[in-house]
Amino acid sequence: MLGKENPNTLSSVDNLATVLAHHGKYEAAEATYRRVLEASEKVLGKEHPITLTSVHNLAGVLERQGKYEAAEAMYRQVLEASEKVLGKEHPNTLSGLNNVALVLHGQGKYEAAEAMLRRVLEASEKVLGKEHPNTLTTVNNLADVLKQQGKYEIAEAMYRQVLKASERVLGKEHPNTLRSVRFLAAVLGARHQYDEAMKLYERAHLGFSKAIGPSHPTTVRCFAEWTRAARPQRQQRQ
């Protein structure tokens, strides 16, 4: 029987935490990832790739719960190790930069997040190509930061670019494509283009309900955004 700190056992527990996170059970996922991380540091050491993966995974669920400072510290730990071992333009390093930028965004540090995402985008287009899923994710993230700064026209153009490419590369019902649909709907709502925004929100909500479940936090947030965006449209018609 495998011991609790056997790497194979750690991998199984990590997979359980990933399933919990996928279903939006972030508190349970956080507790499970912490168990994995504690054991990984003890058995494998703090700089072992498996340990760093545990740090990354834990940071992800902290971010989803709005615990941005703790998530940022963990993402920076992984990023530092990745730059040291893999180099500054390795896809894993670029993914790490993306993660740090997202938590900066979450803390309202939009200019810093924008600068970091532009750096990631330039390298990602060079290393992976303009239509690689990771590159498209970076464009989406950059557009979101620009939207938060009120740069709606530029953000809309970026969202449309990503959506078109995502539909072609990933398919119309892929969660990343639906994320682009949702974000485009948000910026259209901010620009008072309510008719198109409502259609996109409906598409995103139905797609998320099917792909990740109706009770997943992303699906619930999408519905809440759809409802908020519908209010001014109803008021205009009264």
C-alpha atoms as a PDB file:
ATOM      1  CA  MET A   1       0.000   0.000   0.000  1.00  0.00           C
ATOM      2  CA  LEU A   2       1.328   3.440  -0.880  1.00  0.00           C
ATOM      3  CA  GLY A   3       2.408   5.715   1.926  1.00  0.00           C
ATOM      4  CA  LYS A   4       0.881   9.157   2.279  1.00  0.00           C
ATOM      5  CA  GLU A   5       4.053  10.851   1.067  1.00  0.00           C
ATOM      6  CA  ASN A   6       4.802   8.559  -1.857  1.00  0.00           C
ATOM      7  CA  PRO A   7       5.053  10.625  -5.092  1.00  0.00           C
ATOM      8  CA  ASN A   8       2.370   8.467  -6.705  1.00  0.00           C
ATOM      9  CA  THR A   9       0.030   9.159  -3.811  1.00  0.00           C
ATOM     10  CA  LEU A  10       0.817  12.874  -4.011  1.00  0.00           C
ATOM     11  CA  SER A  11      -0.054  12.825  -7.693  1.00  0.00           C
ATOM     12  CA  SER A  12      -3.402  11.164  -6.946  1.00  0.00           C
ATOM     13  CA  VAL A  13      -4.258  13.685  -4.246  1.00  0.00           C
ATOM     14  CA  ASP A  14      -3.199  16.509  -6.574  1.00  0.00           C
ATOM     15  CA  ASN A  15      -5.536  15.130  -9.243  1.00  0.00           C
ATOM     16  CA  LEU A  16      -8.371  15.100  -6.694  1.00  0.00           C
ATOM     17  CA  ALA A  17      -7.718  18.752  -5.888  1.00  0.00           C
ATOM     18  CA  THR A  18      -7.727  19.592  -9.606  1.00  0.00           C
ATOM     19  CA  VAL A  19     -11.138  17.937 -10.002  1.00  0.00           C
ATOM     20  CA  LEU A  20     -12.474  19.918  -7.028  1.00  0.00           C
ATOM     21  CA  ALA A  21     -11.149  23.149  -8.539  1.00  0.00           C
ATOM     22  CA  HIS A  22     -12.620  22.327 -11.942  1.00  0.00           C
ATOM     23  CA  HIS A  23     -16.048  22.020 -10.319  1.00  0.00           C
ATOM     24  CA  GLY A  24     -15.625  25.326  -8.515  1.00  0.00           C
ATOM     25  CA  LYS A  25     -15.125  23.816  -5.043  1.00  0.00           C
ATOM     26  CA  TYR A  26     -12.238  26.136  -4.339  1.00  0.00           C
ATOM     27  CA  GLU A  27     -12.060  25.882  -0.552  1.00  0.00           C
ATOM     28  CA  ALA A  28     -11.879  22.095  -0.646  1.00  0.00           C
ATOM     29  CA  ALA A  29      -9.343  22.288  -3.502  1.00  0.00           C
ATOM     30  CA  GLU A  30      -7.210  24.741  -1.508  1.00  0.00           C
ATOM     31  CA  ALA A  31      -7.119  22.462   1.540  1.00  0.00           C
ATOM     32  CA  THR A  32      -6.193  19.467  -0.645  1.00  0.00           C
ATOM     33  CA  TYR A  33      -3.478  21.352  -2.541  1.00  0.00           C
ATOM     34  CA  ARG A  34      -1.990  22.486   0.781  1.00  0.00           C
ATOM     35  CA  ARG A  35      -1.708  18.847   1.864  1.00  0.00           C
ATOM     36  CA  VAL A  36       0.085  18.010  -1.371  1.00  0.00           C
ATOM     37  CA  LEU A  37       2.409  20.995  -1.105  1.00  0.00           C
ATOM     38  CA  GLU A  38       3.405  20.286   2.476  1.00  0.00           C
ATOM     39  CA  ALA A  39       4.235  16.673   1.648  1.00  0.00           C
ATOM     40  CA  SER A  40       6.022  17.597  -1.609  1.00  0.00           C
ATOM     41  CA  GLU A  41       8.300  20.083   0.126  1.00  0.00           C
ATOM     42  CA  LYS A  42       9.140  17.477   2.750  1.00  0.00           C
ATOM     43  CA  VAL A  43       9.760  14.578   0.355  1.00  0.00           C
ATOM     44  CA  LEU A  44      11.054  16.257  -2.809  1.00  0.00           C
ATOM     45  CA  GLY A  45      12.298  19.693  -1.766  1.00  0.00           C
ATOM     46  CA  LYS A  46      11.073  23.213  -2.483  1.00  0.00           C
ATOM     47  CA  GLU A  47      12.532  23.503  -5.988  1.00  0.00           C
ATOM     48  CA  HIS A  48      11.471  20.126  -7.356  1.00  0.00           C
ATOM     49  CA  PRO A  49       9.210  20.478 -10.435  1.00  0.00           C
ATOM     50  CA  ILE A  50       6.389  18.561  -8.733  1.00  0.00           C
ATOM     51  CA  THR A  51       6.572  20.863  -5.714  1.00  0.00           C
ATOM     52  CA  LEU A  52       6.525  23.945  -7.935  1.00  0.00           C
ATOM     53  CA  THR A  53       3.490  22.548  -9.733  1.00  0.00           C
ATOM     54  CA  SER A  54       1.793  22.232  -6.349  1.00  0.00           C
ATOM     55  CA  VAL A  55       2.650  25.849  -5.557  1.00  0.00           C
ATOM     56  CA  HIS A  56       1.242  26.921  -8.926  1.00  0.00           C
ATOM     57  CA  ASN A  57      -1.970  24.950  -8.435  1.00  0.00           C
ATOM     58  CA  LEU A  58      -2.500  26.307  -4.944  1.00  0.00           C
ATOM     59  CA  ALA A  59      -1.911  29.849  -6.186  1.00  0.00           C
ATOM     60  CA  GLY A  60      -4.588  29.286  -8.822  1.00  0.00           C
ATOM     61  CA  VAL A  61      -7.330  28.442  -6.335  1.00  0.00           C
ATOM     62  CA  LEU A  62      -6.254  31.289  -4.058  1.00  0.00           C
ATOM     63  CA  GLU A  63      -6.571  33.660  -7.019  1.00  0.00           C
ATOM     64  CA  ARG A  64     -10.054  32.358  -7.832  1.00  0.00           C
ATOM     65  CA  GLN A  65     -11.096  33.109  -4.257  1.00  0.00           C
ATOM     66  CA  GLY A  66      -9.788  36.661  -4.490  1.00  0.00           C
ATOM     67  CA  LYS A  67      -6.797  36.011  -2.229  1.00  0.00           C
ATOM     68  CA  TYR A  68      -4.575  37.937  -4.605  1.00  0.00           C
ATOM     69  CA  GLU A  69      -1.615  38.837  -2.394  1.00  0.00           C
ATOM     70  CA  ALA A  70      -1.049  35.232  -1.311  1.00  0.00           C
ATOM     71  CA  ALA A  71      -1.503  34.039  -4.888  1.00  0.00           C
ATOM     72  CA  GLU A  72       0.935  36.638  -6.200  1.00  0.00           C
ATOM     73  CA  ALA A  73       3.649  35.570  -3.762  1.00  0.00           C
ATOM     74  CA  MET A  74       3.260  31.945  -4.831  1.00  0.00           C
ATOM     75  CA  TYR A  75       3.171  32.725  -8.542  1.00  0.00           C
ATOM     76  CA  ARG A  76       6.342  34.808  -8.172  1.00  0.00           C
ATOM     77  CA  GLN A  77       8.035  31.887  -6.409  1.00  0.00           C
ATOM     78  CA  VAL A  78       7.243  29.605  -9.356  1.00  0.00           C
ATOM     79  CA  LEU A  79       8.230  32.298 -11.866  1.00  0.00           C
ATOM     80  CA  GLU A  80      11.618  32.850 -10.258  1.00  0.00           C
ATOM     81  CA  ALA A  81      12.391  29.138 -10.373  1.00  0.00           C
ATOM     82  CA  SER A  82      11.173  28.854 -13.961  1.00  0.00           C
ATOM     83  CA  GLU A  83      13.327  31.756 -15.161  1.00  0.00           C
ATOM     84  CA  LYS A  84      16.326  30.222 -13.418  1.00  0.00           C
ATOM     85  CA  VAL A  85      15.882  26.680 -14.713  1.00  0.00           C
ATOM     86  CA  LEU A  86      14.110  27.100 -18.075  1.00  0.00           C
ATOM     87  CA  GLY A  87      14.916  30.629 -19.245  1.00  0.00           C
ATOM     88  CA  LYS A  88      12.887  33.794 -19.719  1.00  0.00           C
ATOM     89  CA  GLU A  89      11.201  32.786 -22.987  1.00  0.00           C
ATOM     90  CA  HIS A  90      10.252  29.227 -22.133  1.00  0.00           C
ATOM     91  CA  PRO A  91       6.468  28.639 -22.399  1.00  0.00           C
ATOM     92  CA  ASN A  92       6.284  27.718 -18.705  1.00  0.00           C
ATOM     93  CA  THR A  93       8.007  30.973 -17.779  1.00  0.00           C
ATOM     94  CA  LEU A  94       5.654  32.955 -19.986  1.00  0.00           C
ATOM     95  CA  SER A  95       2.715  31.204 -18.348  1.00  0.00           C
ATOM     96  CA  GLY A  96       4.148  32.227 -14.989  1.00  0.00           C
ATOM     97  CA  LEU A  97       4.364  35.859 -16.079  1.00  0.00           C
ATOM     98  CA  ASN A  98       0.769  35.661 -17.262  1.00  0.00           C
ATOM     99  CA  ASN A  99      -0.300  34.416 -13.849  1.00  0.00           C
ATOM    100  CA  VAL A 100       1.482  37.216 -12.020  1.00  0.00           C
ATOM    101  CA  ALA A 101      -0.125  39.744 -14.360  1.00  0.00           C
ATOM    102  CA  LEU A 102      -3.567  38.316 -13.577  1.00  0.00           C
ATOM    103  CA  VAL A 103      -3.178  38.753  -9.838  1.00  0.00           C
ATOM    104  CA  LEU A 104      -1.857  42.280 -10.388  1.00  0.00           C
ATOM    105  CA  HIS A 105      -5.025  42.861 -12.391  1.00  0.00           C
ATOM    106  CA  GLY A 106      -7.069  41.426  -9.545  1.00  0.00           C
ATOM    107  CA  GLN A 107      -5.492  43.952  -7.183  1.00  0.00           C
ATOM    108  CA  GLY A 108      -6.292  46.849  -9.510  1.00  0.00           C
ATOM    109  CA  LYS A 109      -2.661  47.347 -10.569  1.00  0.00           C
ATOM    110  CA  TYR A 110      -3.674  47.710 -14.197  1.00  0.00           C
ATOM    111  CA  GLU A 111      -0.661  49.552 -15.593  1.00  0.00           C
ATOM    112  CA  ALA A 112       1.775  47.017 -14.122  1.00  0.00           C
ATOM    113  CA  ALA A 113      -0.393  44.155 -15.378  1.00  0.00           C
ATOM    114  CA  GLU A 114      -0.600  45.691 -18.855  1.00  0.00           C
ATOM    115  CA  ALA A 115       3.178  46.127 -19.089  1.00  0.00           C
ATOM    116  CA  MET A 116       3.778  42.530 -18.027  1.00  0.00           C
ATOM    117  CA  LEU A 117       1.182  41.152 -20.445  1.00  0.00           C
ATOM    118  CA  ARG A 118       2.658  43.092 -23.369  1.00  0.00           C
ATOM    119  CA  ARG A 119       6.005  41.527 -22.542  1.00  0.00           C
ATOM    120  CA  VAL A 120       4.419  38.068 -22.438  1.00  0.00           C
ATOM    121  CA  LEU A 121       2.532  38.646 -25.686  1.00  0.00           C
ATOM    122  CA  GLU A 122       5.617  39.708 -27.607  1.00  0.00           C
ATOM    123  CA  ALA A 123       7.552  36.649 -26.448  1.00  0.00           C
ATOM    124  CA  SER A 124       4.605  34.282 -26.892  1.00  0.00           C
ATOM    125  CA  GLU A 125       4.015  35.349 -30.491  1.00  0.00           C
ATOM    126  CA  LYS A 126       7.719  34.817 -31.159  1.00  0.00           C
ATOM    127  CA  VAL A 127       8.059  31.441 -29.415  1.00  0.00           C
ATOM    128  CA  LEU A 128       4.614  29.861 -29.864  1.00  0.00           C
ATOM    129  CA  GLY A 129       2.968  31.746 -32.722  1.00  0.00           C
ATOM    130  CA  LYS A 130       0.037  34.158 -32.931  1.00  0.00           C
ATOM    131  CA  GLU A 131      -2.695  31.496 -32.845  1.00  0.00           C
ATOM    132  CA  HIS A 132      -1.320  29.241 -30.127  1.00  0.00           C
ATOM    133  CA  PRO A 133      -3.882  28.849 -27.311  1.00  0.00           C
ATOM    134  CA  ASN A 134      -1.438  30.344 -24.780  1.00  0.00           C
ATOM    135  CA  THR A 135      -0.909  33.384 -26.999  1.00  0.00           C
ATOM    136  CA  LEU A 136      -4.654  33.829 -27.410  1.00  0.00           C
ATOM    137  CA  THR A 137      -5.094  33.644 -23.636  1.00  0.00           C
ATOM    138  CA  THR A 138      -2.533  36.418 -23.237  1.00  0.00           C
ATOM    139  CA  VAL A 139      -4.346  38.618 -25.762  1.00  0.00           C
ATOM    140  CA  ASN A 140      -7.582  37.998 -23.870  1.00  0.00           C
ATOM    141  CA  ASN A 141      -5.947  38.943 -20.573  1.00  0.00           C
ATOM    142  CA  LEU A 142      -4.416  42.081 -22.067  1.00  0.00           C
ATOM    143  CA  ALA A 143      -7.758  43.112 -23.535  1.00  0.00           C
ATOM    144  CA  ASP A 144      -9.359  42.666 -20.119  1.00  0.00           C
ATOM    145  CA  VAL A 145      -6.779  44.950 -18.495  1.00  0.00           C
ATOM    146  CA  LEU A 146      -7.344  47.551 -21.204  1.00  0.00           C
ATOM    147  CA  LYS A 147     -11.105  47.322 -20.645  1.00  0.00           C
ATOM    148  CA  GLN A 148     -10.618  47.965 -16.941  1.00  0.00           C
ATOM    149  CA  GLN A 149      -8.741  51.138 -17.856  1.00  0.00           C
ATOM    150  CA  GLY A 150     -11.619  52.316 -20.043  1.00  0.00           C
ATOM    151  CA  LYS A 151      -9.829  51.604 -23.333  1.00  0.00           C
ATOM    152  CA  TYR A 152     -12.950  49.954 -24.715  1.00  0.00           C
ATOM    153  CA  GLU A 153     -12.350  50.329 -28.436  1.00  0.00           C
ATOM    154  CA  ILE A 154      -8.918  48.669 -28.331  1.00  0.00           C
ATOM    155  CA  ALA A 155     -10.187  45.985 -25.963  1.00  0.00           C
ATOM    156  CA  GLU A 156     -13.145  45.184 -28.235  1.00  0.00           C
ATOM    157  CA  ALA A 157     -10.879  44.779 -31.259  1.00  0.00           C
ATOM    158  CA  MET A 158      -8.639  42.395 -29.298  1.00  0.00           C
ATOM    159  CA  TYR A 159     -11.562  40.340 -28.005  1.00  0.00           C
ATOM    160  CA  ARG A 160     -12.932  39.961 -31.523  1.00  0.00           C
ATOM    161  CA  GLN A 161      -9.499  38.914 -32.772  1.00  0.00           C
ATOM    162  CA  VAL A 162      -9.178  36.263 -30.062  1.00  0.00           C
ATOM    163  CA  LEU A 163     -12.727  35.003 -30.483  1.00  0.00           C
ATOM    164  CA  LYS A 164     -12.316  34.493 -34.212  1.00  0.00           C
ATOM    165  CA  ALA A 165      -9.018  32.643 -33.738  1.00  0.00           C
ATOM    166  CA  SER A 166     -10.307  30.587 -30.776  1.00  0.00           C
ATOM    167  CA  GLU A 167     -13.338  29.410 -32.736  1.00  0.00           C
ATOM    168  CA  ARG A 168     -11.027  28.257 -35.499  1.00  0.00           C
ATOM    169  CA  VAL A 169      -8.319  26.698 -33.291  1.00  0.00           C
ATOM    170  CA  LEU A 170     -10.272  25.397 -30.280  1.00  0.00           C
ATOM    171  CA  GLY A 171     -13.863  25.210 -31.459  1.00  0.00           C
ATOM    172  CA  LYS A 172     -16.966  27.237 -30.639  1.00  0.00           C
ATOM    173  CA  GLU A 173     -17.810  25.412 -27.399  1.00  0.00           C
ATOM    174  CA  HIS A 174     -14.352  25.287 -25.815  1.00  0.00           C
ATOM    175  CA  PRO A 175     -14.280  27.028 -22.388  1.00  0.00           C
ATOM    176  CA  ASN A 176     -11.523  29.390 -23.581  1.00  0.00           C
ATOM    177  CA  THR A 177     -13.639  30.385 -26.578  1.00  0.00           C
ATOM    178  CA  LEU A 178     -16.638  30.945 -24.310  1.00  0.00           C
ATOM    179  CA  ARG A 179     -14.433  33.091 -22.090  1.00  0.00           C
ATOM    180  CA  SER A 180     -13.723  35.292 -25.115  1.00  0.00           C
ATOM    181  CA  VAL A 181     -17.459  35.459 -25.851  1.00  0.00           C
ATOM    182  CA  ARG A 182     -18.163  36.534 -22.269  1.00  0.00           C
ATOM    183  CA  PHE A 183     -15.447  39.192 -22.259  1.00  0.00           C
ATOM    184  CA  LEU A 184     -16.552  40.595 -25.605  1.00  0.00           C
ATOM    185  CA  ALA A 185     -20.102  40.805 -24.268  1.00  0.00           C
ATOM    186  CA  ALA A 186     -18.838  42.770 -21.258  1.00  0.00           C
ATOM    187  CA  VAL A 187     -16.991  45.364 -23.302  1.00  0.00           C
ATOM    188  CA  LEU A 188     -19.951  45.739 -25.669  1.00  0.00           C
ATOM    189  CA  GLY A 189     -22.183  46.329 -22.672  1.00  0.00           C
ATOM    190  CA  ALA A 190     -19.774  48.995 -21.436  1.00  0.00           C
ATOM    191  CA  ARG A 191     -20.068  50.637 -24.868  1.00  0.00           C
ATOM    192  CA  HIS A 192     -23.897  50.466 -24.689  1.00  0.00           C
ATOM    193  CA  GLN A 193     -24.124  47.986 -27.559  1.00  0.00           C
ATOM    194  CA  TYR A 194     -26.696  45.989 -25.642  1.00  0.00           C
ATOM    195  CA  ASP A 195     -28.352  43.926 -28.379  1.00  0.00           C
ATOM    196  CA  GLU A 196     -25.146  42.177 -29.411  1.00  0.00           C
ATOM    197  CA  ALA A 197     -23.970  41.963 -25.798  1.00  0.00           C
ATOM    198  CA  MET A 198     -27.157  40.126 -24.763  1.00  0.00           C
ATOM    199  CA  LYS A 199     -26.801  37.583 -27.555  1.00  0.00           C
ATOM    200  CA  LEU A 200     -23.180  36.922 -26.600  1.00  0.00           C
ATOM    201  CA  TYR A 201     -23.975  36.588 -22.902  1.00  0.00           C
ATOM    202  CA  GLU A 202     -26.704  34.083 -23.744  1.00  0.00           C
ATOM    203  CA  ARG A 203     -24.275  32.099 -25.869  1.00  0.00           C
ATOM    204  CA  ALA A 204     -21.597  32.169 -23.155  1.00  0.00           C
ATOM    205  CA  HIS A 205     -23.972  31.182 -20.373  1.00  0.00           C
ATOM    206  CA  LEU A 206     -25.487  28.283 -22.292  1.00  0.00           C
ATOM    207  CA  GLY A 207     -22.023  27.146 -23.355  1.00  0.00           C
ATOM    208  CA  PHE A 208     -20.583  27.293 -19.833  1.00  0.00           C
ATOM    209  CA  SER A 209     -23.633  25.481 -18.437  1.00  0.00           C
ATOM    210  CA  LYS A 210     -22.971  22.642 -20.844  1.00  0.00           C
ATOM    211  CA  ALA A 211     -19.155  22.610 -20.629  1.00  0.00           C
ATOM    212  CA  ILE A 212     -18.510  23.124 -16.903  1.00  0.00           C
ATOM    213  CA  GLY A 213     -21.948  22.933 -15.307  1.00  0.00           C
ATOM    214  CA  PRO A 214     -24.664  25.444 -14.342  1.00  0.00           C
ATOM    215  CA  SER A 215     -23.451  25.789 -10.750  1.00  0.00           C
ATOM    216  CA  HIS A 216     -19.796  26.457 -11.570  1.00  0.00           C
ATOM    217  CA  PRO A 217     -18.697  29.915 -10.316  1.00  0.00           C
ATOM    218  CA  THR A 218     -17.787  31.011 -13.859  1.00  0.00           C
ATOM    219  CA  THR A 219     -21.250  30.087 -15.130  1.00  0.00           C
ATOM    220  CA  VAL A 220     -22.885  31.843 -12.191  1.00  0.00           C
ATOM    221  CA  ARG A 221     -20.786  34.992 -12.709  1.00  0.00           C
ATOM    222  CA  CYS A 222     -21.604  34.986 -16.403  1.00  0.00           C
ATOM    223  CA  PHE A 223     -25.334  34.863 -15.628  1.00  0.00           C
ATOM    224  CA  ALA A 224     -24.982  37.693 -13.087  1.00  0.00           C
ATOM    225  CA  GLU A 225     -23.135  39.832 -15.649  1.00  0.00           C
ATOM    226  CA  TRP A 226     -25.797  39.043 -18.244  1.00  0.00           C
ATOM    227  CA  THR A 227     -28.529  40.101 -15.814  1.00  0.00           C
ATOM    228  CA  ARG A 228     -26.769  43.369 -14.934  1.00  0.00           C
ATOM    229  CA  ALA A 229     -26.187  44.199 -18.590  1.00  0.00           C
ATOM    230  CA  ALA A 230     -29.867  43.601 -19.376  1.00  0.00           C
ATOM    231  CA  ARG A 231     -31.085  46.273 -16.930  1.00  0.00           C
ATOM    232  CA  PRO A 232     -30.130  49.382 -18.931  1.00  0.00           C
ATOM    233  CA  GLN A 233     -31.498  47.743 -22.068  1.00  0.00           C
ATOM    234  CA  ARG A 234     -34.870  47.240 -20.357  1.00  0.00           C
ATOM    235  CA  GLN A 235     -34.819  50.810 -19.088  1.00  0.00           C
ATOM    236  CA  GLN A 236     -34.221  52.119 -22.614  1.00  0.00           C
ATOM    237  CA  ARG A 237     -37.315  50.269 -23.860  1.00  0.00           C
ATOM    238  CA  GLN A 238     -39.637  51.534 -21.127  1.00  0.00           C
END
